């Protein structure tokens, strides 16, 4: 593999071209592994091994060794600690499911320890090996497990992985990425006092399906260090990655374990790999953790900031959005290219009377509300803001124009797509209803909610808001605060390109005032937001809502603002320069 820059290395399932992928028994797995993982750079592998391997007698496991970068680094590390060829080969164990990858790892390791590399790397399914009762335990486990979706990981490997999680007390589901059971099984492969050093997706810190894993780790280790980097490890994949360092493995899990968790950040990867692990971790500040499903995104904050946000969540003056409103996904059409149309298409195809107004992109929502004139302007400009809605004519004879259009869809196999194929009839899009407001699913700056003053619904790129306790404009106006913004950065999940994403359940956990006593009028909020003056809105609502109604001090308001800006700026630092926005620019 051609050596790339430090920032661009680590592509573990993207480097090889599909044409070179091994065919045969694991052909599907080969293909998915090439898509779902990333080869680790020599620098990162060496750094992690330097932290994990402490003596020349340490027994080391790499559960998914790929091209052998970690095994090579581990062999070198053991050698530097005084081990010689026979001891190195005896103390190193590598597992790799794909034969071609295993061969690459052996060839790479041979340069370090000679012919004994054949004894180190076993071509096997790590999960199959783990389930065997005679497996050994290790002082250290190092590596970079594959990042593959549950649905893409073939049987029987998937069932084995999920069975191991269940055996160890976790409840996997169809959202579980395969790296999660790798971490679980790796942790359970350690001796008491053992160490885990892995390259993992930043999803570890934030996604719901990893919540059990976070608790699993804090119940089983005395100390966990997370090392994050604003520079992407894997540029091509746009995948944010962290380094997990867990040490002091316990003989048995304990919910009362006093695990110390720290999170250390660096601007560039070189800032990490050019220093020793002890130097990088020297300034790490321990955080008070909870052995529950709390997201570890909080640990990017100071202990004071974490304590403040927890206190707000538990206070009488703040509540979650779900107390005032529910959030649901937008309409799932199954094929937007067929069901979402512009005005000219509706007219030319004779579909007048069979569409519902629609917002299909966050760019359609310019301010704090959308009115009929806004929607009409979008339609006039040729935007695709018309949803084909045929739910009401189920079982009825279709008009000729409509029947013709449906036939064109069938000619293009639209009806064979999964969502369409399970509907009867396939062209009747379900769940078409008009919400009180809209909630941005993907956010670059502020987690904006928008009052719906049209008869429009939305596609699933935008969530739908239904208010329960007060008029929609009152509920929405009370979300334009640093309180809601700061909680969004903690409850959401960020990706390599700087996007913050909120799923409906995450949006419902956003903090807002418990009592809706007043806020800047939404009409004024809308005017200022459209003018790029969001900061003015937030400052005024700090005065009215946060200080006036919730009783916060000016210092506490500034602390909220700092938390929001710190978390927002961190993720947006990874945004492509050409896509940058200022604080006041609506996303």
Protein backbone atom coordinates (compact mmCIF):
# COMPACT_ATOMS: atom_id res chain seq x y z
CA UNK A 1 0.00 0.00 0.00
CA UNK A 2 1.30 3.35 -0.93
CA UNK A 3 2.13 5.43 2.09
CA UNK A 4 0.01 8.58 2.35
CA UNK A 5 0.26 11.64 4.56
CA UNK A 6 -0.51 11.05 8.22
CA UNK A 7 -3.90 12.75 7.88
CA UNK A 8 -4.91 10.69 4.90
CA UNK A 9 -3.74 7.27 6.05
CA UNK A 10 -5.73 4.56 7.83
CA UNK A 11 -8.03 3.52 5.13
CA UNK A 12 -8.83 0.00 6.06
CA UNK A 13 -11.51 -1.07 3.65
CA UNK A 14 -11.08 1.54 0.95
CA UNK A 15 -7.61 1.13 -0.32
CA UNK A 16 -7.92 -1.96 -2.39
CA UNK A 17 -9.89 -1.68 -5.60
CA UNK A 18 -13.05 -3.79 -5.85
CA UNK A 19 -11.60 -5.62 -8.84
CA UNK A 20 -8.87 -6.98 -6.59
CA UNK A 21 -11.22 -8.20 -3.93
CA UNK A 22 -11.07 -11.96 -3.29
CA UNK A 23 -14.04 -13.86 -4.66
CA UNK A 24 -15.56 -17.05 -3.32
CA UNK A 25 -16.84 -17.95 0.12
CA UNK A 26 -16.39 -14.49 1.58
CA UNK A 27 -17.05 -12.51 -1.58
CA UNK A 28 -19.83 -10.45 0.01
CA UNK A 29 -17.74 -9.84 3.08
CA UNK A 30 -14.77 -8.83 0.98
CA UNK A 31 -16.84 -6.25 -0.81
CA UNK A 32 -18.34 -4.88 2.37
CA UNK A 33 -15.04 -4.83 4.19
CA UNK A 34 -13.56 -2.76 1.42
CA UNK A 35 -16.39 -0.31 1.93
CA UNK A 36 -16.67 -0.45 5.69
CA UNK A 37 -13.25 -0.20 7.24
CA UNK A 38 -10.04 1.72 6.99
CA UNK A 39 -6.38 0.71 6.98
CA UNK A 40 -4.52 2.16 9.91
CA UNK A 41 -1.38 4.19 9.33
CA UNK A 42 1.90 2.91 10.72
CA UNK A 43 2.17 6.03 12.89
CA UNK A 44 -1.17 5.48 14.61
CA UNK A 45 -0.59 1.74 15.05
CA UNK A 46 2.83 2.39 16.60
CA UNK A 47 1.43 5.02 18.97
CA UNK A 48 -1.37 2.75 20.20
CA UNK A 49 0.96 -0.21 20.64
CA UNK A 50 3.43 1.96 22.56
CA UNK A 51 0.64 2.74 25.02
CA UNK A 52 -0.81 -0.78 25.27
CA UNK A 53 2.33 -2.95 25.42
CA UNK A 54 4.23 -2.50 28.67
CA UNK A 55 6.64 -5.49 28.94
CA UNK A 56 8.45 -7.88 26.60
CA UNK A 57 6.26 -10.71 27.92
CA UNK A 58 2.91 -9.05 27.14
CA UNK A 59 0.57 -11.25 25.14
CA UNK A 60 -1.10 -9.20 22.42
CA UNK A 61 -4.18 -9.84 20.27
CA UNK A 62 -5.21 -8.12 17.04
CA UNK A 63 -8.76 -9.41 16.35
CA UNK A 64 -9.08 -8.06 12.79
CA UNK A 65 -5.53 -7.62 11.59
CA UNK A 66 -6.19 -6.57 7.98
CA UNK A 67 -2.90 -5.67 6.30
CA UNK A 68 -0.92 -6.25 9.50
CA UNK A 69 -0.07 -2.68 10.53
CA UNK A 70 -0.81 -3.34 14.20
CA UNK A 71 0.99 -6.69 14.30
CA UNK A 72 4.07 -5.12 12.74
CA UNK A 73 3.96 -2.26 15.27
CA UNK A 74 3.39 -4.70 18.15
CA UNK A 75 6.33 -6.86 17.06
CA UNK A 76 8.58 -3.82 16.91
CA UNK A 77 7.37 -2.64 20.32
CA UNK A 78 8.00 -6.05 21.94
CA UNK A 79 11.46 -6.08 20.37
CA UNK A 80 12.28 -2.66 21.77
CA UNK A 81 11.24 -3.94 25.21
CA UNK A 82 13.73 -6.82 24.94
CA UNK A 83 11.82 -9.68 23.33
CA UNK A 84 13.44 -11.80 20.61
CA UNK A 85 11.97 -13.60 17.61
CA UNK A 86 10.60 -16.76 19.29
CA UNK A 87 9.10 -14.77 22.19
CA UNK A 88 7.57 -12.20 19.85
CA UNK A 89 5.88 -14.82 17.70
CA UNK A 90 4.66 -16.67 20.79
CA UNK A 91 3.16 -13.53 22.30
CA UNK A 92 1.48 -12.18 19.17
CA UNK A 93 -1.91 -13.40 17.94
CA UNK A 94 -3.71 -12.11 14.87
CA UNK A 95 -7.14 -13.08 13.54
CA UNK A 96 -8.31 -12.22 10.03
CA UNK A 97 -11.38 -13.59 8.27
CA UNK A 98 -10.36 -12.81 4.69
CA UNK A 99 -7.59 -15.09 3.38
CA UNK A 100 -6.03 -12.48 1.09
CA UNK A 101 -5.83 -10.00 3.96
CA UNK A 102 -4.31 -12.62 6.25
CA UNK A 103 -1.64 -13.33 3.62
CA UNK A 104 -0.80 -9.61 3.43
CA UNK A 105 -0.48 -9.44 7.20
CA UNK A 106 1.87 -12.47 7.27
CA UNK A 107 4.02 -10.98 4.51
CA UNK A 108 4.27 -7.68 6.36
CA UNK A 109 5.05 -9.35 9.67
CA UNK A 110 7.67 -11.60 8.10
CA UNK A 111 9.94 -8.59 7.65
CA UNK A 112 9.91 -8.15 11.43
CA UNK A 113 10.07 -11.73 12.75
CA UNK A 114 10.78 -13.95 9.74
CA UNK A 115 9.08 -17.27 8.99
CA UNK A 116 7.44 -17.31 12.41
CA UNK A 117 4.80 -14.90 11.06
CA UNK A 118 2.96 -17.97 9.76
CA UNK A 119 2.30 -18.94 13.38
CA UNK A 120 0.97 -15.53 14.37
CA UNK A 121 -1.86 -14.87 11.88
CA UNK A 122 -4.78 -17.27 11.75
CA UNK A 123 -7.33 -17.06 8.95
CA UNK A 124 -10.53 -17.31 10.95
CA UNK A 125 -13.66 -15.49 12.04
CA UNK A 126 -12.75 -13.70 15.28
CA UNK A 127 -16.25 -14.29 16.65
CA UNK A 128 -16.09 -18.01 15.85
CA UNK A 129 -12.71 -18.20 17.61
CA UNK A 130 -14.06 -16.26 20.59
CA UNK A 131 -16.96 -18.65 21.10
CA UNK A 132 -14.58 -21.58 21.52
CA UNK A 133 -14.13 -22.39 25.17
CA UNK A 134 -10.37 -22.88 25.05
CA UNK A 135 -9.46 -19.37 23.86
CA UNK A 136 -6.63 -17.64 25.67
CA UNK A 137 -6.69 -14.24 27.35
CA UNK A 138 -4.32 -11.35 26.68
CA UNK A 139 -2.51 -8.47 28.34
CA UNK A 140 -3.39 -6.13 25.47
CA UNK A 141 -5.78 -6.00 22.53
CA UNK A 142 -4.97 -3.56 19.75
CA UNK A 143 -6.49 -2.85 16.39
CA UNK A 144 -8.99 -1.18 14.14
CA UNK A 145 -12.16 -3.25 13.78
CA UNK A 146 -14.13 -3.01 10.54
CA UNK A 147 -16.87 -0.39 10.37
CA UNK A 148 -19.68 -2.38 8.73
CA UNK A 149 -23.44 -1.99 9.11
CA UNK A 150 -25.42 -4.82 10.67
CA UNK A 151 -27.29 -5.46 7.43
CA UNK A 152 -24.07 -5.69 5.39
CA UNK A 153 -22.27 -8.18 7.61
CA UNK A 154 -23.03 -11.65 6.25
CA UNK A 155 -24.15 -14.75 8.07
CA UNK A 156 -23.12 -16.72 10.02
CA UNK A 157 -20.60 -14.13 11.21
CA UNK A 158 -23.31 -11.65 12.18
CA UNK A 159 -25.23 -14.13 14.31
CA UNK A 160 -22.06 -15.11 16.14
CA UNK A 161 -21.25 -11.46 16.84
CA UNK A 162 -24.71 -10.71 18.17
CA UNK A 163 -24.73 -13.89 20.28
CA UNK A 164 -21.50 -12.79 21.99
CA UNK A 165 -23.04 -9.43 22.83
CA UNK A 166 -26.09 -11.15 24.29
CA UNK A 167 -23.90 -13.55 26.27
CA UNK A 168 -22.15 -10.55 27.84
CA UNK A 169 -25.39 -8.84 28.79
CA UNK A 170 -25.96 -6.45 25.88
CA UNK A 171 -28.99 -6.23 23.59
CA UNK A 172 -27.91 -5.64 19.97
CA UNK A 173 -30.33 -4.59 17.27
CA UNK A 174 -30.37 -3.97 13.52
CA UNK A 175 -28.76 -0.55 14.02
CA UNK A 176 -25.69 -2.05 15.66
CA UNK A 177 -22.54 -1.54 13.60
CA UNK A 178 -20.24 -4.55 13.64
CA UNK A 179 -17.41 -2.66 15.33
CA UNK A 180 -19.47 -2.74 18.55
CA UNK A 181 -19.33 -6.53 19.11
CA UNK A 182 -15.64 -6.41 18.14
CA UNK A 183 -15.03 -4.04 21.06
CA UNK A 184 -17.17 -6.13 23.41
CA UNK A 185 -15.44 -9.41 22.54
CA UNK A 186 -12.02 -7.75 22.60
CA UNK A 187 -12.62 -6.35 26.09
CA UNK A 188 -13.76 -9.78 27.26
CA UNK A 189 -10.52 -11.28 25.90
CA UNK A 190 -8.34 -9.44 28.41
CA UNK A 191 -6.68 -10.65 31.58
CA UNK A 192 -7.47 -8.72 34.78
CA UNK A 193 -5.54 -5.47 34.49
CA UNK A 194 -5.40 -5.76 30.69
CA UNK A 195 -5.49 -2.91 28.19
CA UNK A 196 -7.54 -2.11 25.11
CA UNK A 197 -6.21 0.25 22.40
CA UNK A 198 -8.48 0.66 19.38
CA UNK A 199 -9.26 2.99 16.50
CA UNK A 200 -13.03 3.50 16.59
CA UNK A 201 -15.66 5.69 14.97
CA UNK A 202 -16.57 8.78 16.98
CA UNK A 203 -20.03 7.21 17.05
CA UNK A 204 -18.77 5.58 20.24
CA UNK A 205 -19.34 8.92 21.97
CA UNK A 206 -22.75 9.76 20.64
CA UNK A 207 -24.99 7.23 18.90
CA UNK A 208 -27.83 5.47 20.68
CA UNK A 209 -26.82 1.98 19.54
CA UNK A 210 -23.45 2.44 21.32
CA UNK A 211 -25.06 3.49 24.62
CA UNK A 212 -24.86 0.00 26.08
CA UNK A 213 -21.25 -0.24 25.00
CA UNK A 214 -20.36 2.94 26.88
CA UNK A 215 -21.84 1.48 30.05
CA UNK A 216 -20.17 -1.87 29.32
CA UNK A 217 -16.75 -0.20 29.15
CA UNK A 218 -17.13 1.94 32.27
CA UNK A 219 -18.27 -1.14 34.20
CA UNK A 220 -15.14 -3.10 33.18
CA UNK A 221 -12.16 -0.73 33.20
CA UNK A 222 -10.60 1.48 35.87
CA UNK A 223 -9.59 4.18 33.40
CA UNK A 224 -10.70 5.13 29.89
CA UNK A 225 -8.97 7.78 27.78
CA UNK A 226 -10.51 9.01 24.55
CA UNK A 227 -8.18 10.86 22.19
CA UNK A 228 -9.96 12.88 19.51
CA UNK A 229 -8.63 14.91 16.63
CA UNK A 230 -10.19 17.78 14.68
CA UNK A 231 -8.36 16.56 11.60
CA UNK A 232 -10.01 13.60 9.91
CA UNK A 233 -8.04 10.36 10.17
CA UNK A 234 -9.67 9.03 7.00
CA UNK A 235 -10.22 11.86 4.54
CA UNK A 236 -11.82 9.80 1.78
CA UNK A 237 -14.39 8.33 4.12
CA UNK A 238 -15.21 11.56 5.93
CA UNK A 239 -15.40 9.39 9.02
CA UNK A 240 -14.59 11.00 12.36
CA UNK A 241 -12.50 8.64 14.43
CA UNK A 242 -11.27 8.51 18.02
CA UNK A 243 -8.61 6.49 19.81
CA UNK A 244 -9.96 4.40 22.69
CA UNK A 245 -7.47 3.61 25.47
CA UNK A 246 -8.99 1.49 28.23
CA UNK A 247 -6.89 -0.01 30.99
CA UNK A 248 -7.25 -1.88 34.25
CA UNK A 249 -9.68 -4.52 33.01
CA UNK A 250 -11.68 -5.90 35.94
CA UNK A 251 -12.15 -9.57 36.66
CA UNK A 252 -15.90 -8.95 36.80
CA UNK A 253 -18.08 -6.03 35.65
CA UNK A 254 -19.33 -3.62 38.31
CA UNK A 255 -21.87 -0.82 38.01
CA UNK A 256 -20.30 0.87 41.03
CA UNK A 257 -16.84 0.77 39.47
CA UNK A 258 -15.08 4.13 39.90
CA UNK A 259 -14.00 4.40 36.28
CA UNK A 260 -12.03 7.52 35.38
CA UNK A 261 -12.92 8.84 31.92
CA UNK A 262 -10.96 11.56 30.16
CA UNK A 263 -11.20 13.06 26.71
CA UNK A 264 -8.15 14.68 25.11
CA UNK A 265 -8.27 16.70 21.89
CA UNK A 266 -5.67 17.59 19.29
CA UNK A 267 -5.91 19.84 16.25
CA UNK A 268 -3.93 17.51 13.99
CA UNK A 269 -2.98 13.85 13.96
CA UNK A 270 0.70 14.78 14.05
CA UNK A 271 0.11 16.47 17.42
CA UNK A 272 -0.77 13.01 18.72
CA UNK A 273 1.69 10.71 16.95
CA UNK A 274 4.70 13.02 17.34
CA UNK A 275 4.44 12.81 21.14
CA UNK A 276 4.51 9.85 23.49
CA UNK A 277 1.18 8.54 24.80
CA UNK A 278 2.09 9.67 28.33
CA UNK A 279 2.81 13.19 27.07
CA UNK A 280 -0.49 13.36 25.17
CA UNK A 281 -2.47 12.15 28.17
CA UNK A 282 -0.58 14.18 30.78
CA UNK A 283 -3.03 17.05 30.74
CA UNK A 284 -6.19 14.96 30.54
CA UNK A 285 -8.80 16.03 33.07
CA UNK A 286 -10.98 13.27 34.55
CA UNK A 287 -14.73 13.66 34.18
CA UNK A 288 -17.49 12.50 36.51
CA UNK A 289 -19.17 9.74 34.53
CA UNK A 290 -22.53 8.07 34.90
CA UNK A 291 -22.99 4.36 34.36
CA UNK A 292 -26.03 4.91 32.20
CA UNK A 293 -26.73 5.73 28.57
CA UNK A 294 -25.48 9.32 28.79
CA UNK A 295 -23.58 10.36 25.68
CA UNK A 296 -19.87 10.88 26.04
CA UNK A 297 -20.00 13.98 23.85
CA UNK A 298 -20.29 15.80 27.17
CA UNK A 299 -16.68 14.94 27.87
CA UNK A 300 -15.49 17.52 25.37
CA UNK A 301 -16.64 19.99 28.04
CA UNK A 302 -15.00 20.93 31.31
CA UNK A 303 -16.17 19.33 34.53
CA UNK A 304 -17.87 22.63 35.46
CA UNK A 305 -19.71 22.75 32.14
CA UNK A 306 -20.78 19.11 32.42
CA UNK A 307 -22.08 19.65 35.96
CA UNK A 308 -23.97 22.76 34.84
CA UNK A 309 -25.70 20.97 31.94
CA UNK A 310 -26.65 18.03 34.15
CA UNK A 311 -28.06 20.40 36.78
CA UNK A 312 -30.17 22.16 34.14
CA UNK A 313 -31.57 18.86 32.88
CA UNK A 314 -32.60 17.97 36.42
CA UNK A 315 -33.93 21.43 37.37
CA UNK A 316 -37.55 22.51 37.68
CA UNK A 317 -37.06 25.44 35.32
CA UNK A 318 -35.99 23.39 32.29
CA UNK A 319 -37.60 20.46 30.55
CA UNK A 320 -37.20 18.54 27.33
CA UNK A 321 -38.95 19.41 24.09
CA UNK A 322 -41.11 16.29 24.33
CA UNK A 323 -42.91 17.84 27.31
CA UNK A 324 -44.29 20.47 24.93
CA UNK A 325 -44.23 18.75 21.53
CA UNK A 326 -43.56 15.51 19.70
CA UNK A 327 -41.13 15.08 16.80
CA UNK A 328 -41.70 12.63 13.97
CA UNK A 329 -39.91 11.81 10.76
CA UNK A 330 -41.10 13.39 7.56
CA UNK A 331 -42.78 11.49 4.75
CA UNK A 332 -40.85 8.48 3.47
CA UNK A 333 -41.79 8.21 -0.20
CA UNK A 334 -39.52 5.35 -1.20
CA UNK A 335 -38.44 7.26 -4.31
CA UNK A 336 -38.37 11.05 -4.18
CA UNK A 337 -37.49 11.27 -7.87
CA UNK A 338 -40.94 9.87 -8.65
CA UNK A 339 -43.11 11.28 -5.87
CA UNK A 340 -41.61 14.76 -5.41
CA UNK A 341 -42.34 17.10 -8.33
CA UNK A 342 -42.07 20.72 -9.38
CA UNK A 343 -45.02 22.81 -10.52
CA UNK A 344 -44.31 22.42 -14.24
CA UNK A 345 -44.24 18.62 -13.89
CA UNK A 346 -47.56 18.63 -12.06
CA UNK A 347 -49.18 20.66 -14.84
CA UNK A 348 -47.60 18.81 -17.79
CA UNK A 349 -48.39 15.39 -16.36
CA UNK A 350 -51.98 16.31 -15.51
CA UNK A 351 -51.51 15.70 -11.79
CA UNK A 352 -53.27 18.80 -10.49
CA UNK A 353 -55.42 17.86 -7.52
CA UNK A 354 -53.27 14.87 -6.62
CA UNK A 355 -50.43 16.62 -4.82
CA UNK A 356 -49.81 18.07 -1.38
CA UNK A 357 -47.58 21.10 -0.69
CA UNK A 358 -44.17 20.04 0.51
CA UNK A 359 -40.83 21.25 1.87
CA UNK A 360 -38.13 18.82 0.86
CA UNK A 361 -34.93 20.67 1.76
CA UNK A 362 -33.82 22.69 4.78
CA UNK A 363 -32.90 25.47 2.32
CA UNK A 364 -36.64 25.95 1.80
CA UNK A 365 -36.89 27.17 5.40
CA UNK A 366 -35.29 30.62 5.54
CA UNK A 367 -36.51 31.97 8.85
CA UNK A 368 -38.44 30.99 11.96
CA UNK A 369 -41.65 30.36 10.02
CA UNK A 370 -42.80 29.50 6.52
CA UNK A 371 -45.96 31.05 5.10
CA UNK A 372 -48.10 30.40 2.05
CA UNK A 373 -46.32 33.17 0.14
CA UNK A 374 -42.94 31.52 0.91
CA UNK A 375 -44.15 28.19 -0.41
CA UNK A 376 -45.71 29.74 -3.51
CA UNK A 377 -42.43 31.51 -4.27
CA UNK A 378 -40.61 28.16 -4.07
CA UNK A 379 -43.11 26.59 -6.43
CA UNK A 380 -42.89 29.49 -8.88
CA UNK A 381 -39.09 29.24 -8.86
CA UNK A 382 -39.35 25.62 -9.98
CA UNK A 383 -38.43 23.92 -6.70
CA UNK A 384 -39.71 20.40 -6.18
CA UNK A 385 -42.30 21.21 -3.52
CA UNK A 386 -45.24 19.07 -4.67
CA UNK A 387 -45.79 15.62 -3.17
CA UNK A 388 -47.78 13.07 -5.15
CA UNK A 389 -50.41 12.05 -2.59
CA UNK A 390 -52.73 9.24 -3.70
CA UNK A 391 -53.70 7.81 -0.34
CA UNK A 392 -57.27 9.08 -0.67
CA UNK A 393 -57.97 7.24 -3.94
CA UNK A 394 -57.09 3.76 -2.72
CA UNK A 395 -59.20 1.23 -4.56
CA UNK A 396 -60.68 3.83 -6.88
CA UNK A 397 -60.30 3.79 -10.63
CA UNK A 398 -57.41 6.00 -11.59
CA UNK A 399 -57.87 8.91 -13.98
CA UNK A 400 -56.06 8.37 -17.28
CA UNK A 401 -53.30 10.96 -16.65
CA UNK A 402 -52.58 9.51 -13.25
CA UNK A 403 -52.64 5.95 -14.58
CA UNK A 404 -50.12 6.93 -17.28
CA UNK A 405 -47.75 8.44 -14.73
CA UNK A 406 -47.96 5.37 -12.53
CA UNK A 407 -47.16 3.18 -15.54
CA UNK A 408 -44.01 5.26 -16.17
CA UNK A 409 -43.00 4.55 -12.57
CA UNK A 410 -43.50 0.83 -13.06
CA UNK A 411 -41.51 0.93 -16.29
CA UNK A 412 -38.65 2.40 -14.24
CA UNK A 413 -39.15 -0.27 -11.53
CA UNK A 414 -40.06 2.29 -8.87
CA UNK A 415 -42.60 -0.18 -7.46
CA UNK A 416 -39.84 -2.75 -6.88
CA UNK A 417 -37.99 -0.60 -4.32
CA UNK A 418 -38.31 -1.86 -0.75
CA UNK A 419 -40.60 0.88 0.64
CA UNK A 420 -42.88 0.82 -2.40
CA UNK A 421 -42.98 -2.98 -2.64
CA UNK A 422 -44.48 -3.38 0.85
CA UNK A 423 -47.29 -0.88 0.17
CA UNK A 424 -50.67 -1.70 -1.35
CA UNK A 425 -51.02 -0.02 -3.71
CA UNK A 426 -47.34 0.79 -4.09
CA UNK A 427 -47.97 4.40 -5.10
CA UNK A 428 -50.01 5.31 -1.98
CA UNK A 429 -47.46 7.14 0.20
CA UNK A 430 -48.42 6.74 3.89
CA UNK A 431 -48.31 9.19 6.78
CA UNK A 432 -49.02 12.35 4.78
CA UNK A 433 -50.13 14.85 7.41
CA UNK A 434 -49.55 18.54 8.05
CA UNK A 435 -47.41 19.38 11.10
CA UNK A 436 -47.42 22.44 13.32
CA UNK A 437 -43.79 23.04 12.51
CA UNK A 438 -40.57 21.66 11.15
CA UNK A 439 -37.35 20.62 12.90
CA UNK A 440 -34.04 20.56 11.07
CA UNK A 441 -32.62 17.06 10.91
CA UNK A 442 -29.17 18.15 9.71
CA UNK A 443 -27.67 21.27 11.23
CA UNK A 444 -24.58 23.30 10.55
CA UNK A 445 -25.11 26.06 13.06
CA UNK A 446 -28.28 26.39 15.12
CA UNK A 447 -30.96 23.67 15.69
CA UNK A 448 -33.71 25.70 14.10
CA UNK A 449 -37.44 24.96 14.42
CA UNK A 450 -39.83 26.60 11.98
CA UNK A 451 -43.54 27.39 12.32
CA UNK A 452 -45.65 25.90 9.53
CA UNK A 453 -48.20 28.44 8.27
CA UNK A 454 -48.83 26.53 5.06
CA UNK A 455 -50.63 23.31 4.19
CA UNK A 456 -47.24 21.70 3.59
CA UNK A 457 -45.74 18.51 4.91
CA UNK A 458 -42.06 17.47 4.61
CA UNK A 459 -39.96 14.60 3.34
CA UNK A 460 -37.78 12.68 5.79
CA UNK A 461 -34.94 15.16 5.30
CA UNK A 462 -36.87 17.39 7.73
CA UNK A 463 -38.67 16.29 10.92
CA UNK A 464 -42.27 17.21 11.71
CA UNK A 465 -43.29 18.94 14.95
CA UNK A 466 -46.65 18.58 16.71
CA UNK A 467 -47.23 20.87 19.70
CA UNK A 468 -49.10 19.67 22.79
CA UNK A 469 -49.09 22.28 25.56
CA UNK A 470 -49.35 25.64 23.83
CA UNK A 471 -49.76 27.32 20.48
CA UNK A 472 -47.03 26.28 18.05
CA UNK A 473 -45.60 29.79 17.70
CA UNK A 474 -45.16 29.97 21.47
CA UNK A 475 -43.44 26.59 21.72
CA UNK A 476 -41.13 27.33 18.79
CA UNK A 477 -40.23 30.83 20.01
CA UNK A 478 -38.99 29.31 23.28
CA UNK A 479 -36.48 27.10 21.45
CA UNK A 480 -34.45 30.03 20.12
CA UNK A 481 -32.07 30.06 23.09
CA UNK A 482 -28.53 29.05 23.97
CA UNK A 483 -30.12 26.42 26.23
CA UNK A 484 -31.66 24.53 23.30
CA UNK A 485 -28.57 25.09 21.15
CA UNK A 486 -26.15 23.74 23.77
CA UNK A 487 -28.25 20.66 24.45
CA UNK A 488 -28.50 19.95 20.70
CA UNK A 489 -24.71 19.69 20.47
CA UNK A 490 -24.77 17.11 23.26
CA UNK A 491 -27.83 15.12 22.18
CA UNK A 492 -27.06 15.02 18.44
CA UNK A 493 -24.29 13.26 16.59
CA UNK A 494 -21.70 14.90 14.36
CA UNK A 495 -20.00 13.58 11.26
CA UNK A 496 -16.77 14.20 9.44
CA UNK A 497 -18.11 17.06 7.35
CA UNK A 498 -19.19 19.06 10.37
CA UNK A 499 -22.90 18.23 10.17
CA UNK A 500 -24.88 17.83 13.38
CA UNK A 501 -27.72 15.35 12.97
CA UNK A 502 -30.75 14.95 15.22
CA UNK A 503 -33.04 11.96 15.04
CA UNK A 504 -36.60 12.48 16.37
CA UNK A 505 -35.89 10.96 19.80
CA UNK A 506 -32.76 13.10 20.12
CA UNK A 507 -34.67 16.22 19.11
CA UNK A 508 -37.27 15.46 21.76
CA UNK A 509 -34.51 15.49 24.40
CA UNK A 510 -33.50 19.06 23.61
CA UNK A 511 -33.74 21.37 26.61
CA UNK A 512 -36.11 24.33 26.75
CA UNK A 513 -38.04 26.26 29.42
CA UNK A 514 -40.44 24.21 31.52
CA UNK A 515 -42.89 27.13 31.52
CA UNK A 516 -43.54 29.08 28.35
CA UNK A 517 -43.86 32.53 29.90
CA UNK A 518 -42.78 34.55 26.92
CA UNK A 519 -40.08 35.08 24.29
CA UNK A 520 -39.22 37.39 21.45
CA UNK A 521 -42.31 37.41 19.17
CA UNK A 522 -41.83 34.79 16.49
CA UNK A 523 -42.54 37.33 13.74
CA UNK A 524 -39.60 39.42 14.92
CA UNK A 525 -37.48 36.29 15.36
CA UNK A 526 -38.32 35.32 11.78
CA UNK A 527 -37.38 38.76 10.43
CA UNK A 528 -34.03 38.83 12.21
CA UNK A 529 -33.15 35.24 11.31
CA UNK A 530 -33.84 35.88 7.64
CA UNK A 531 -31.60 38.93 7.88
CA UNK A 532 -28.71 36.86 9.25
CA UNK A 533 -29.10 38.27 12.76
CA UNK A 534 -29.63 35.10 14.75
CA UNK A 535 -27.24 36.36 17.42
CA UNK A 536 -29.61 39.27 18.16
CA UNK A 537 -32.46 36.80 18.67
CA UNK A 538 -30.45 34.63 21.04
CA UNK A 539 -29.21 37.59 23.08
CA UNK A 540 -32.70 39.00 23.46
CA UNK A 541 -34.14 35.62 24.45
CA UNK A 542 -31.33 35.25 26.98
CA UNK A 543 -32.64 38.42 28.60
CA UNK A 544 -36.34 37.49 28.34
CA UNK A 545 -36.30 33.70 28.82
CA UNK A 546 -33.09 32.57 30.47
CA UNK A 547 -32.68 35.43 32.93
CA UNK A 548 -36.20 36.83 33.11
CA UNK A 549 -38.24 33.62 33.36
CA UNK A 550 -35.77 30.89 34.29
CA UNK A 551 -33.79 32.95 36.79
CA UNK A 552 -30.33 32.42 35.35
CA UNK A 553 -27.56 34.85 36.08
CA UNK A 554 -25.72 36.68 33.31
CA UNK A 555 -22.70 34.46 34.00
CA UNK A 556 -24.78 31.30 33.61
CA UNK A 557 -26.15 32.57 30.30
CA UNK A 558 -22.61 33.20 29.10
CA UNK A 559 -21.64 29.71 30.21
CA UNK A 560 -24.45 28.25 28.10
CA UNK A 561 -23.32 30.33 25.16
CA UNK A 562 -19.73 29.13 25.64
CA UNK A 563 -20.83 25.47 25.75
CA UNK A 564 -22.81 25.83 22.53
CA UNK A 565 -20.08 27.70 20.68
CA UNK A 566 -17.32 25.36 21.86
CA UNK A 567 -19.17 22.24 20.71
CA UNK A 568 -20.40 23.84 17.49
CA UNK A 569 -17.01 25.22 16.54
CA UNK A 570 -15.33 21.89 17.21
CA UNK A 571 -17.46 19.98 14.71
CA UNK A 572 -17.59 22.81 12.18
CA UNK A 573 -13.80 22.93 12.12
CA UNK A 574 -14.06 19.72 10.11
CA UNK A 575 -16.38 21.32 7.55
CA UNK A 576 -15.06 21.86 4.04
CA UNK A 577 -13.95 25.50 3.70
CA UNK A 578 -16.18 26.05 0.69
CA UNK A 579 -19.20 25.19 2.78
CA UNK A 580 -18.45 27.40 5.73
CA UNK A 581 -21.10 29.59 7.29
CA UNK A 582 -21.01 32.36 9.80
CA UNK A 583 -22.78 32.13 13.13
CA UNK A 584 -25.70 34.15 11.90
CA UNK A 585 -26.26 32.39 8.59
CA UNK A 586 -29.31 30.12 8.60
CA UNK A 587 -28.32 26.57 7.79
